[in-house]
Protein backbone atom coordinates (compact mmCIF):
# COMPACT_ATOMS: atom_id res chain seq x y z
CA MET A 1 0.00 0.00 0.00
CA LYS A 2 1.67 3.18 -1.16
CA THR A 3 1.82 6.23 1.04
CA LYS A 4 -0.84 8.08 -0.95
CA TYR A 5 -3.47 5.56 -0.03
CA ILE A 6 -3.11 5.68 3.71
CA TYR A 7 -5.81 8.35 3.60
CA LEU A 8 -8.32 6.21 1.68
CA PRO A 9 -10.82 3.68 3.04
CA ILE A 10 -9.11 0.42 3.98
CA VAL A 11 -10.71 -2.64 2.41
CA ALA A 12 -11.12 -5.80 4.39
CA LEU A 13 -7.94 -7.37 3.08
CA PHE A 14 -6.24 -5.58 5.94
CA LEU A 15 -8.70 -6.99 8.45
CA ALA A 16 -7.95 -10.60 7.54
CA ILE A 17 -5.23 -11.04 10.13
CA THR A 18 -4.19 -14.51 11.15
CA SER A 19 -4.38 -13.63 14.80
CA CYS A 20 -3.98 -10.76 17.18
CA VAL A 21 -3.22 -10.86 20.85
CA GLY A 22 -4.20 -13.85 22.94
CA ASP A 23 -5.28 -11.57 25.77
CA LEU A 24 -7.86 -9.98 23.47
CA ASP A 25 -9.48 -13.30 22.49
CA VAL A 26 -9.20 -12.74 18.75
CA ARG A 27 -9.97 -15.22 15.99
CA PRO A 28 -9.17 -14.66 12.31
CA LEU A 29 -11.63 -13.60 9.69
CA ALA A 30 -12.07 -15.75 6.62
CA GLU A 31 -9.00 -15.42 4.41
CA ASN A 32 -11.00 -14.66 1.27
CA VAL A 33 -12.75 -11.55 2.54
CA THR A 34 -12.07 -8.90 -0.08
CA SER A 35 -14.52 -6.07 0.54
CA ALA A 36 -15.42 -3.76 3.38
CA GLU A 37 -19.06 -4.75 2.92
CA ASP A 38 -18.22 -8.39 3.65
CA ALA A 39 -15.88 -7.53 6.53
CA TYR A 40 -18.56 -5.49 8.27
CA ALA A 41 -21.41 -7.92 7.62
CA THR A 42 -21.35 -9.64 11.01
CA ALA A 43 -20.77 -8.85 14.66
CA ASP A 44 -17.59 -10.94 14.55
CA GLY A 45 -16.40 -8.86 11.63
CA TYR A 46 -16.71 -5.67 13.67
CA LYS A 47 -14.82 -7.23 16.54
CA GLN A 48 -12.01 -8.36 14.24
CA ALA A 49 -11.86 -4.93 12.65
CA LEU A 50 -11.50 -3.34 16.08
CA MET A 51 -8.82 -5.84 17.11
CA LYS A 52 -6.91 -5.09 13.91
CA ILE A 53 -6.75 -1.43 14.97
CA TYR A 54 -5.26 -2.38 18.32
CA SER A 55 -2.85 -4.85 16.73
CA VAL A 56 -0.97 -2.25 14.67
CA TRP A 57 1.05 -1.32 17.77
CA ALA A 58 2.20 -4.94 18.07
CA VAL A 59 2.52 -6.28 14.52
CA GLY A 60 3.05 -4.59 11.17
CA GLY A 61 1.36 -7.02 8.82
CA GLN A 62 -0.97 -9.92 8.28
CA ASP A 63 1.35 -12.46 9.87
CA GLY A 64 3.65 -10.12 11.80
CA THR A 65 6.95 -11.39 10.38
CA ASP A 66 6.60 -11.30 6.60
CA GLU A 67 4.23 -9.11 4.59
CA SER A 68 3.81 -5.51 5.72
CA ASP A 69 0.50 -3.69 5.75
CA ILE A 70 2.29 -0.72 4.18
CA GLU A 71 4.29 -1.07 1.01
CA GLY A 72 7.89 0.03 1.44
CA VAL A 73 7.78 -0.06 5.26
CA ASP A 74 9.43 -3.14 6.74
CA VAL A 75 7.09 -5.30 8.81
CA GLY A 76 9.73 -5.98 11.48
CA ASN A 77 12.47 -3.36 11.43
CA ALA A 78 10.00 -0.49 11.09
CA GLN A 79 7.20 -2.01 13.19
CA LEU A 80 5.42 0.76 15.12
CA LEU A 81 6.50 0.06 18.71
CA ARG A 82 10.07 -0.72 17.61
CA SER A 83 10.25 2.47 15.54
CA TYR A 84 8.75 4.49 18.38
CA PHE A 85 11.38 3.11 20.76
CA ASN A 86 14.20 3.95 18.35
CA LEU A 87 13.11 7.57 18.12
CA GLN A 88 12.00 8.09 21.73
CA VAL A 89 14.87 6.24 23.43
CA VAL A 90 17.85 5.63 21.10
CA SER A 91 18.03 9.31 20.19
CA THR A 92 18.44 10.23 23.88
CA ASP A 93 20.83 9.81 26.80
CA GLU A 94 19.30 6.42 27.72
CA CYS A 95 20.43 4.25 24.83
CA LYS A 96 22.62 3.84 21.75
CA ASN A 97 22.50 1.17 19.07
CA ALA A 98 25.42 -0.85 17.68
CA TRP A 99 23.91 -1.92 14.35
CA GLY A 100 26.09 0.42 12.32
CA ASN A 101 25.19 -1.25 9.03
CA ASP A 102 21.56 -0.15 9.38
CA ALA A 103 21.21 3.22 7.65
CA TRP A 104 19.07 4.75 10.40
CA VAL A 105 21.46 3.92 13.26
CA PRO A 106 24.16 6.64 12.96
CA GLU A 107 21.63 9.37 12.30
CA VAL A 108 19.42 8.50 15.28
CA ASN A 109 22.37 7.73 17.59
CA ASN A 110 23.96 11.08 16.74
CA MET A 111 20.79 13.19 16.29
CA THR A 112 22.01 14.11 12.81
CA TRP A 113 18.99 13.09 10.78
CA SER A 114 17.76 15.06 7.79
CA THR A 115 14.88 14.49 5.39
CA THR A 116 16.53 11.33 4.05
CA LYS A 117 14.21 8.35 4.44
CA LEU A 118 14.84 6.60 7.76
CA GLU A 119 13.12 3.38 8.85
CA PRO A 120 11.96 4.47 12.31
CA VAL A 121 10.67 7.83 11.08
CA GLU A 122 8.73 6.11 8.31
CA GLY A 123 7.55 3.42 10.74
CA VAL A 124 6.09 5.77 13.35
CA TYR A 125 4.54 8.09 10.80
CA GLN A 126 3.12 5.56 8.36
CA PHE A 127 1.80 3.05 10.90
CA SER A 128 0.26 5.83 13.02
CA MET A 129 -1.49 7.18 9.93
CA PHE A 130 -2.52 3.61 9.11
CA ILE A 131 -4.28 3.43 12.48
CA VAL A 132 -6.03 6.68 11.61
CA SER A 133 -7.21 5.19 8.30
CA LEU A 134 -8.42 1.98 9.91
CA VAL A 135 -10.38 3.94 12.51
CA ASN A 136 -11.88 6.25 9.90
CA GLU A 137 -13.14 3.23 7.95
CA PHE A 138 -14.41 1.63 11.14
CA MET A 139 -16.30 4.77 12.08
CA ARG A 140 -17.93 4.93 8.65
CA ASN A 141 -19.31 1.44 9.21
CA ILE A 142 -20.11 1.29 12.92
CA PRO A 143 -23.56 2.95 12.59
CA ASN A 144 -24.63 -0.12 10.61
CA ALA A 145 -23.31 -2.64 13.13
CA PRO A 146 -25.62 -5.40 14.39
CA SER A 147 -27.49 -4.51 17.55
CA LYS A 148 -25.84 -7.38 19.43
CA ILE A 149 -22.59 -5.38 19.76
CA ASN A 150 -22.19 -2.28 21.90
CA GLN A 151 -21.84 0.30 19.14
CA ALA A 152 -21.05 3.17 21.50
CA GLN A 153 -18.25 1.29 23.25
CA TYR A 154 -16.75 -0.06 20.02
CA ALA A 155 -16.75 3.43 18.52
CA ALA A 156 -15.20 4.89 21.66
CA GLU A 157 -12.43 2.28 21.65
CA ALA A 158 -11.64 2.98 18.00
CA ARG A 159 -11.62 6.73 18.61
CA PHE A 160 -9.26 6.24 21.56
CA CYS A 161 -6.85 4.38 19.28
CA ARG A 162 -7.03 7.21 16.75
CA ALA A 163 -6.50 9.84 19.46
CA LEU A 164 -3.45 7.91 20.67
CA ALA A 165 -2.07 7.73 17.13
CA TYR A 166 -2.62 11.45 16.63
CA SER A 167 -1.01 12.17 20.01
CA VAL A 168 2.13 10.35 18.85
CA LEU A 169 2.08 12.23 15.53
CA MET A 170 1.53 15.57 17.29
CA ASP A 171 4.42 14.90 19.64
CA MET A 172 6.88 13.70 17.01
CA PHE A 173 5.87 15.51 13.81
CA GLY A 174 3.89 18.50 15.02
CA ARG A 175 1.46 18.89 12.13
CA PRO A 176 0.53 15.61 10.41
CA PRO A 177 -2.23 15.51 7.81
CA PHE A 178 -5.55 15.62 9.62
CA ILE A 179 -8.36 13.39 8.42
CA THR A 180 -11.37 11.73 10.04
CA GLU A 181 -14.38 9.80 8.78
CA ASP A 182 -16.05 13.13 8.09
CA ASN A 183 -13.46 14.68 5.77
CA TYR A 184 -12.04 12.00 3.46
CA SER A 185 -9.63 13.50 0.97
CA LEU A 186 -6.86 12.40 -1.36
CA ASP A 187 -4.85 15.37 -0.13
CA PRO A 188 -5.77 16.05 3.50
CA SER A 189 -4.38 19.27 4.87
CA GLN A 190 -2.60 19.98 8.13
CA ILE A 191 -3.98 21.84 11.10
CA SER A 192 -1.90 23.65 13.70
CA ARG A 193 -0.38 21.74 16.58
CA THR A 194 -2.62 23.64 18.98
CA GLU A 195 -5.71 22.76 16.95
CA LEU A 196 -4.69 19.11 16.91
CA PHE A 197 -4.10 19.15 20.68
CA ASN A 198 -7.55 20.64 21.22
CA TRP A 199 -9.17 18.09 18.91
CA ILE A 200 -7.51 15.17 20.74
CA GLU A 201 -8.60 16.58 24.10
CA SER A 202 -12.17 17.01 22.87
CA GLU A 203 -12.24 13.47 21.42
CA LEU A 204 -11.02 11.89 24.64
CA LEU A 205 -13.42 13.81 26.83
CA ASP A 206 -16.28 12.93 24.50
CA ILE A 207 -15.67 9.17 24.52
CA VAL A 208 -14.79 8.53 28.15
CA SER A 209 -18.35 7.91 29.35
CA ASP A 210 -18.88 5.26 26.64
CA LEU A 211 -15.97 3.14 27.85
CA PRO A 212 -15.87 0.67 30.74
CA ALA A 213 -14.75 2.04 34.08
CA ALA A 214 -11.05 1.63 34.83
CA ARG A 215 -10.01 -2.03 35.19
CA GLN A 216 -13.56 -3.20 34.44
CA GLY A 217 -13.15 -3.94 30.75
CA THR A 218 -11.00 -6.39 28.80
CA TYR A 219 -7.28 -6.23 29.52
CA GLY A 220 -5.46 -4.69 26.57
CA ARG A 221 -8.43 -2.63 25.44
CA ALA A 222 -9.20 0.99 26.19
CA ASP A 223 -11.13 1.89 29.31
CA GLN A 224 -11.63 5.12 31.22
CA GLY A 225 -8.26 4.75 32.93
CA ALA A 226 -6.49 4.67 29.56
CA VAL A 227 -8.33 7.79 28.41
CA TYR A 228 -7.36 9.76 31.50
CA ALA A 229 -3.76 8.50 31.28
CA LEU A 230 -3.44 9.77 27.71
CA LEU A 231 -5.04 13.07 28.69
CA ALA A 232 -2.58 13.39 31.59
CA ARG A 233 0.42 12.82 29.32
CA ASN A 234 -0.83 15.36 26.80
CA TYR A 235 -1.59 17.91 29.52
CA LEU A 236 1.87 17.40 31.06
CA ASN A 237 3.42 18.40 27.72
CA ALA A 238 0.81 20.96 26.70
CA GLU A 239 3.17 23.91 26.95
CA VAL A 240 5.39 22.30 24.30
CA TYR A 241 2.43 21.59 22.03
CA THR A 242 0.39 24.78 22.49
CA GLY A 243 2.47 27.32 24.40
CA GLN A 244 0.07 27.11 27.34
CA ALA A 245 0.80 25.10 30.51
CA ARG A 246 -2.00 22.75 31.59
CA TYR A 247 -0.63 21.33 34.86
CA THR A 248 -3.92 21.79 36.69
CA GLU A 249 -5.69 19.67 34.10
CA CYS A 250 -2.88 17.10 34.33
CA ILE A 251 -3.45 16.79 38.08
CA THR A 252 -7.18 16.28 37.53
CA ALA A 253 -6.55 13.58 34.91
CA CYS A 254 -4.04 11.84 37.19
CA LYS A 255 -6.51 11.87 40.05
CA ASN A 256 -9.12 10.32 37.76
CA VAL A 257 -6.70 7.52 36.88
CA ILE A 258 -5.73 6.89 40.49
CA ALA A 259 -9.39 6.78 41.52
CA GLY A 260 -9.80 3.84 39.14
CA GLY A 261 -8.35 1.42 41.67
CA TYR A 262 -4.91 0.76 40.23
CA GLY A 263 -2.07 -0.28 42.53
CA LEU A 264 1.70 -0.55 42.39
CA ALA A 265 3.15 -3.96 41.69
CA THR A 266 5.10 -5.34 44.64
CA ILE A 267 8.26 -6.11 42.66
CA TYR A 268 9.42 -3.65 40.00
CA GLU A 269 11.21 -6.26 37.89
CA ASP A 270 8.04 -8.38 37.55
CA LEU A 271 6.37 -5.58 35.59
CA PHE A 272 8.49 -6.46 32.57
CA LYS A 273 8.25 -10.25 32.56
CA ALA A 274 6.35 -12.71 30.38
CA ASP A 275 3.30 -13.00 32.65
CA ASN A 276 2.92 -9.28 33.38
CA GLY A 277 -0.54 -9.33 31.79
CA GLN A 278 -1.71 -12.37 33.73
CA ASN A 279 -0.07 -11.84 37.11
CA PRO A 280 -2.65 -9.91 39.22
CA ASP A 281 0.12 -8.12 41.11
CA THR A 282 1.63 -6.54 37.98
CA ARG A 283 -1.60 -6.24 36.06
CA GLN A 284 -2.96 -3.87 38.70
CA GLU A 285 -0.30 -1.30 37.74
CA ILE A 286 -0.60 -1.56 33.96
CA ILE A 287 -3.15 0.89 32.61
CA PHE A 288 -2.81 0.27 28.88
CA PRO A 289 -0.40 -2.25 27.34
CA VAL A 290 0.72 -3.24 23.88
CA CYS A 291 0.00 -6.95 24.13
CA PHE A 292 2.36 -9.62 22.86
CA ASP A 293 2.08 -13.39 22.67
CA GLY A 294 4.92 -15.66 21.53
CA VAL A 295 2.58 -17.73 19.36
CA ALA A 296 -0.14 -15.32 18.26
CA THR A 297 1.90 -12.14 17.71
CA MET A 298 5.24 -13.21 16.29
CA THR A 299 7.13 -10.14 15.11
CA TRP A 300 10.75 -9.02 14.72
CA GLY A 301 9.71 -5.72 16.21
CA GLY A 302 8.25 -4.90 19.60
CA MET A 303 9.37 -6.97 22.57
CA THR A 304 11.36 -9.37 20.37
CA SER A 305 13.65 -6.52 19.34
CA PHE A 306 13.91 -5.09 22.87
CA ILE A 307 14.80 -8.38 24.55
CA CYS A 308 16.92 -10.02 21.85
CA GLY A 309 18.39 -6.68 20.79
CA SER A 310 19.63 -5.80 24.28
CA ARG A 311 21.66 -9.00 24.77
CA GLY A 312 24.97 -9.95 23.24
CA GLY A 313 25.03 -13.26 21.42
CA SER A 314 27.54 -14.74 23.85
CA GLU A 315 25.61 -13.46 26.88
CA VAL A 316 22.25 -15.10 26.19
CA ASP A 317 21.00 -17.38 28.94
CA LEU A 318 17.68 -18.99 28.01
CA TYR A 319 16.69 -19.62 31.63
CA ARG A 320 17.56 -16.09 32.74
CA ASP A 321 16.30 -14.14 29.71
CA GLY A 322 13.72 -16.44 28.12
CA VAL A 323 15.16 -15.95 24.63
CA SER A 324 17.71 -17.95 22.66
CA GLN A 325 19.05 -15.09 20.53
CA GLY A 326 21.20 -12.07 21.27
CA TRP A 327 21.53 -9.39 18.61
CA ASP A 328 24.21 -7.14 20.15
CA GLY A 329 22.25 -3.97 19.51
CA TYR A 330 20.79 -1.74 22.21
CA ARG A 331 23.05 -0.52 25.04
CA SER A 332 22.67 1.95 27.88
CA THR A 333 24.80 5.06 28.03
CA ASN A 334 26.78 6.05 31.11
CA LYS A 335 24.35 8.97 31.56
CA LEU A 336 21.58 6.52 32.38
CA ILE A 337 23.70 4.35 34.65
CA GLU A 338 25.03 7.35 36.57
CA LYS A 339 21.50 8.25 37.66
CA PHE A 340 21.61 5.23 39.98
CA ASP A 341 23.53 5.07 43.27
CA PHE A 342 26.10 2.36 43.96
CA ALA A 343 26.70 0.69 47.30
CA ASP A 344 30.40 1.18 46.60
CA PRO A 345 30.98 4.10 44.18
CA SER A 346 34.53 2.88 43.56
CA ASN A 347 33.10 -0.36 42.15
CA PRO A 348 30.49 0.62 39.54
CA THR A 349 29.10 -2.75 38.47
CA ALA A 350 25.54 -3.80 37.79
CA ASP A 351 25.46 -5.99 40.90
CA ASN A 352 26.51 -3.02 43.03
CA ILE A 353 23.51 -0.78 42.20
CA LEU A 354 21.40 0.01 45.26
CA ASP A 355 18.21 0.76 43.32
CA ALA A 356 16.15 -2.32 42.39
CA ARG A 357 15.13 -0.57 39.18
CA GLY A 358 18.68 -0.63 37.83
CA ILE A 359 18.50 -3.90 35.90
CA PHE A 360 21.74 -4.02 33.94
CA TYR A 361 24.45 -6.48 32.89
CA SER A 362 28.01 -5.17 33.06
CA GLU A 363 30.30 -8.20 32.94
CA GLY A 364 32.94 -7.72 30.25
CA ARG A 365 31.49 -4.35 29.30
CA SER A 366 32.60 -0.78 29.68
CA MET A 367 30.12 1.71 31.07
CA TYR A 368 31.30 4.20 28.44
CA ILE A 369 30.63 4.18 24.72
CA THR A 370 33.61 5.74 22.96
CA THR A 371 34.11 3.84 19.70
CA THR A 372 34.12 5.99 16.57
CA PRO A 373 32.20 5.81 14.35
CA LEU A 374 29.39 5.24 16.76
CA GLY A 375 27.29 2.30 15.65
CA THR A 376 30.06 -0.30 15.46
CA PHE A 377 30.71 -0.97 19.17
CA THR A 378 29.92 -4.35 20.72
CA THR A 379 31.46 -4.41 24.22
CA GLU A 380 30.72 -0.81 25.22
CA GLY A 381 27.68 0.28 27.19
CA TRP A 382 26.04 -1.95 29.75
CA ALA A 383 23.28 -4.26 28.59
CA VAL A 384 19.77 -3.52 29.87
CA TYR A 385 18.02 -6.64 31.18
CA LYS A 386 14.85 -4.83 32.21
CA TYR A 387 12.66 -6.83 29.82
CA LYS A 388 12.61 -10.62 30.02
CA ASN A 389 10.68 -13.49 28.48
CA ILE A 390 10.42 -15.44 31.71
CA THR A 391 7.54 -15.32 34.16
CA SER A 392 7.55 -13.97 37.70
CA THR A 393 7.82 -17.58 38.88
CA GLY A 394 10.81 -18.33 36.66
CA GLU A 395 9.08 -20.23 33.86
CA LEU A 396 9.99 -19.75 30.20
CA GLY A 397 7.73 -17.88 27.82
CA SER A 398 5.90 -19.82 25.13
CA ASN A 399 8.46 -19.02 22.41
CA ALA A 400 12.22 -18.63 22.82
CA THR A 401 12.37 -16.04 20.04
CA HIS A 402 9.13 -14.08 20.29
CA PRO A 403 8.27 -13.02 23.87
CA ASP A 404 4.97 -13.17 25.72
CA THR A 405 5.88 -9.98 27.60
CA ASP A 406 3.44 -7.08 27.22
CA PHE A 407 4.76 -3.55 26.85
CA PRO A 408 3.24 -1.14 29.42
CA LEU A 409 2.51 1.96 27.36
CA PHE A 410 0.87 3.56 30.41
CA ARG A 411 1.26 2.44 34.02
CA LEU A 412 0.47 3.85 37.45
CA ALA A 413 4.06 4.79 38.35
CA ASP A 414 4.12 7.25 35.44
CA ILE A 415 0.83 8.75 36.68
CA TYR A 416 2.35 9.24 40.14
CA LEU A 417 5.32 11.06 38.66
CA MET A 418 3.15 13.19 36.37
CA TYR A 419 1.07 14.20 39.39
CA ALA A 420 4.20 15.08 41.38
CA GLU A 421 5.71 17.16 38.59
CA SER A 422 2.47 19.01 37.91
CA VAL A 423 2.06 19.88 41.60
CA ALA A 424 5.68 21.02 41.83
CA ARG A 425 5.21 23.22 38.76
CA GLY A 426 2.26 25.00 40.33
CA GLY A 427 -0.77 23.09 39.09
CA GLN A 428 -3.89 23.44 41.22
CA GLY A 429 -6.03 20.73 42.76
CA GLY A 430 -3.22 18.59 44.19
CA ASP A 431 -0.95 18.93 47.18
CA MET A 432 2.74 18.55 47.90
CA ALA A 433 2.31 15.98 50.66
CA THR A 434 0.48 13.62 48.32
CA ALA A 435 3.07 14.23 45.60
CA VAL A 436 5.85 13.33 48.02
CA ASN A 437 3.99 10.19 49.08
CA TYR A 438 3.63 9.07 45.47
CA VAL A 439 7.33 9.52 44.73
CA ASN A 440 8.26 7.80 47.98
CA ALA A 441 6.04 4.84 47.14
CA LEU A 442 8.18 4.27 44.04
CA ARG A 443 11.45 4.80 45.86
CA THR A 444 10.44 2.51 48.71
CA ARG A 445 9.62 -0.22 46.23
CA ALA A 446 13.06 0.34 44.70
CA GLY A 447 14.72 0.02 48.11
CA ILE A 448 16.23 3.51 48.24
CA SER A 449 15.85 6.54 50.52
CA THR A 450 12.70 8.66 50.62
CA ILE A 451 12.44 12.36 49.74
CA THR A 452 10.95 15.54 51.19
CA GLU A 453 9.00 18.38 49.59
CA SER A 454 12.05 20.50 48.78
CA TRP A 455 13.40 17.67 46.61
CA LEU A 456 10.53 18.18 44.17
CA THR A 457 11.44 21.75 43.28
CA THR A 458 15.23 21.65 43.49
CA ASN A 459 17.31 22.72 40.47
CA ASN A 460 14.43 23.44 38.11
CA TYR A 461 12.72 20.10 38.89
CA GLN A 462 15.79 18.15 37.79
CA ASN A 463 15.25 15.57 40.53
CA ILE A 464 11.87 14.69 39.04
CA LEU A 465 13.36 14.31 35.57
CA ASP A 466 16.06 12.00 36.94
CA GLU A 467 13.49 10.00 38.87
CA ARG A 468 11.45 9.57 35.71
CA SER A 469 14.52 8.15 34.02
CA ARG A 470 15.20 5.72 36.86
CA GLU A 471 11.60 4.54 36.94
CA LEU A 472 10.68 4.70 33.25
CA TYR A 473 13.90 4.15 31.29
CA TRP A 474 13.36 2.37 27.99
CA GLU A 475 9.59 2.92 28.27
CA VAL A 476 9.41 5.41 25.35
CA THR A 477 8.99 8.58 27.42
CA ARG A 478 12.53 9.98 27.47
CA ARG A 479 12.66 12.14 24.33
CA THR A 480 9.35 13.79 25.25
CA ASP A 481 10.55 14.38 28.82
CA LEU A 482 13.81 15.98 27.69
CA ILE A 483 11.95 18.29 25.29
CA ARG A 484 9.58 19.37 28.08
CA PHE A 485 12.60 20.29 30.20
CA GLY A 486 14.28 22.12 27.31
CA LEU A 487 17.22 19.69 27.26
CA TYR A 488 16.76 17.49 24.19
CA THR A 489 18.53 19.73 21.69
CA SER A 490 20.13 22.16 24.13
CA SER A 491 23.87 22.44 24.77
CA SER A 492 23.14 22.76 28.52
CA TYR A 493 22.76 18.99 28.79
CA THR A 494 24.73 16.62 26.59
CA TRP A 495 25.45 12.91 26.36
CA PRO A 496 27.84 10.75 24.37
CA PHE A 497 27.65 11.41 20.64
CA LYS A 498 24.83 13.91 20.87
CA GLY A 499 25.30 15.97 17.74
CA GLY A 500 27.79 13.43 16.39
CA VAL A 501 30.52 14.47 18.82
CA ALA A 502 31.97 11.94 21.27
CA THR A 503 31.53 14.23 24.27
CA GLY A 504 28.20 15.57 23.03
CA VAL A 505 27.09 19.01 21.82
CA GLY A 506 23.84 20.86 21.35
CA VAL A 507 21.96 20.39 18.09
CA ASP A 508 19.60 22.47 15.98
CA SER A 509 16.25 23.04 17.69
CA ARG A 510 14.54 21.74 14.54
CA ASN A 511 15.32 18.26 15.92
CA ASN A 512 12.62 18.70 18.54
CA LEU A 513 10.41 17.49 15.69
CA PHE A 514 11.12 14.86 13.08
CA PRO A 515 10.66 15.71 9.40
CA ILE A 516 7.43 14.83 7.63
CA PRO A 517 8.50 11.91 5.42
CA VAL A 518 9.33 12.98 1.88
CA THR A 519 7.27 10.04 0.65
CA ASP A 520 4.15 11.77 1.99
CA LEU A 521 5.15 15.26 0.91
CA THR A 522 5.55 13.92 -2.62
CA ALA A 523 2.19 12.14 -2.54
CA ASN A 524 0.27 15.00 -0.94
CA GLY A 525 1.01 18.42 -2.37
CA SER A 526 -0.97 20.19 0.35
CA LEU A 527 1.55 19.29 3.06
CA THR A 528 4.43 21.52 4.18
CA GLN A 529 7.65 20.38 5.83
CA ASN A 530 8.55 21.21 9.42
CA ASP A 531 10.69 24.30 9.93
CA GLY A 532 14.41 23.82 9.46
CA TYR A 533 14.24 20.80 7.16
């Protein structure tokens, strides 16, 4: 499917997936369905269409490992969650990638990208717009759905998925083409970032009452908690998007999430294991996951790339990691490691970290990445073992290559930290004592010292930013956090190879947004490129 047609109605060929996520209880449509009329002829067809929308975050094609839904966009390497991780994490101080033969790697590692086609940029943009197209088609058909399905809830779930996709596009590209079921066009135009923010806010507020209460629906599908979590994240970054701070609204959204009955998992490490969607203790913290299953959602992207990609081939231990492959790719930078305290500072090894959230592997590895050109190192940078394909009881996942581990796109710990930051920054409707308690709940779970109110406001809220990194590293929030703090492109905070220099330098502020892919600019003459590109 060429870029031009991502704006057009999606025929049922794209709904005939072999399977989606086991947690969502999905069964395939008939393989010979070839028209939207046939796909939307039954209640099961509507359910499968909805599940296809959710599945785009986890798999990029009909079978996940072979044929892509989007022509020219690799089903594995450019899969949406994998691409999102590469842009949100690898471009920051938390991670660098050693696959120097991949064209995207040096440019993302060094923050030196231009308008040249890059896999992760194409992946995030095209698959997010694909979700928009799928939802638009779904919304055109849902009024005709059989009465046996809950039309209002199905429509609300689809609209949530579209709002999430547009939130990603707003954050990363600023002004994507804007199209809904009401304004189909071959050449959709852009609206301002502020207008898009306001539309997303209005959509989310409009659908929330049609969704199940928090934790009362089907795991892996949108509920009211997911809506308020997405609102909170958008409000936290509203000043970047619109020029107007919305910390009071962020506090309100966080309080709405917390009132939904979520709870912190007892053990941090269990949140990222193969049974995190089945284990009641971890499931209570996960608000909205991207679901994976080693049999039903086999993909070279997503959790497969994060777990296999973060281990060296000689380091793989099936019974420790749950996978049989190590790709020698993703590595932490020293800037991430140095945010954790060591029991003995003179002996900085992974086993010596005091904080239970510091889940690294350092044997035979240098903490520092210094090899030039960056993208060819193999023994530099500690490995991150945060994600595993073993269960909380030590059992192997169902597939030694493709993990069962779900990716927590939103979880309660992030809500606690958003609440604390918004209170510290002057938002109304919260209080400092509660903010301190939320941060201390995370630090107590991690086994480190607690904080007081002054900690929250010290050094332009830097403590909160560092705490977010300790709690949420490699959870696709870092780039957005650094931009909110004015540090992503700035010379006031650098990390190895930022700007292509070993010691790090500031880069052009244009890099706070990625370029609109040239493939879409060529197909749609009404689009304009982001400033500076």
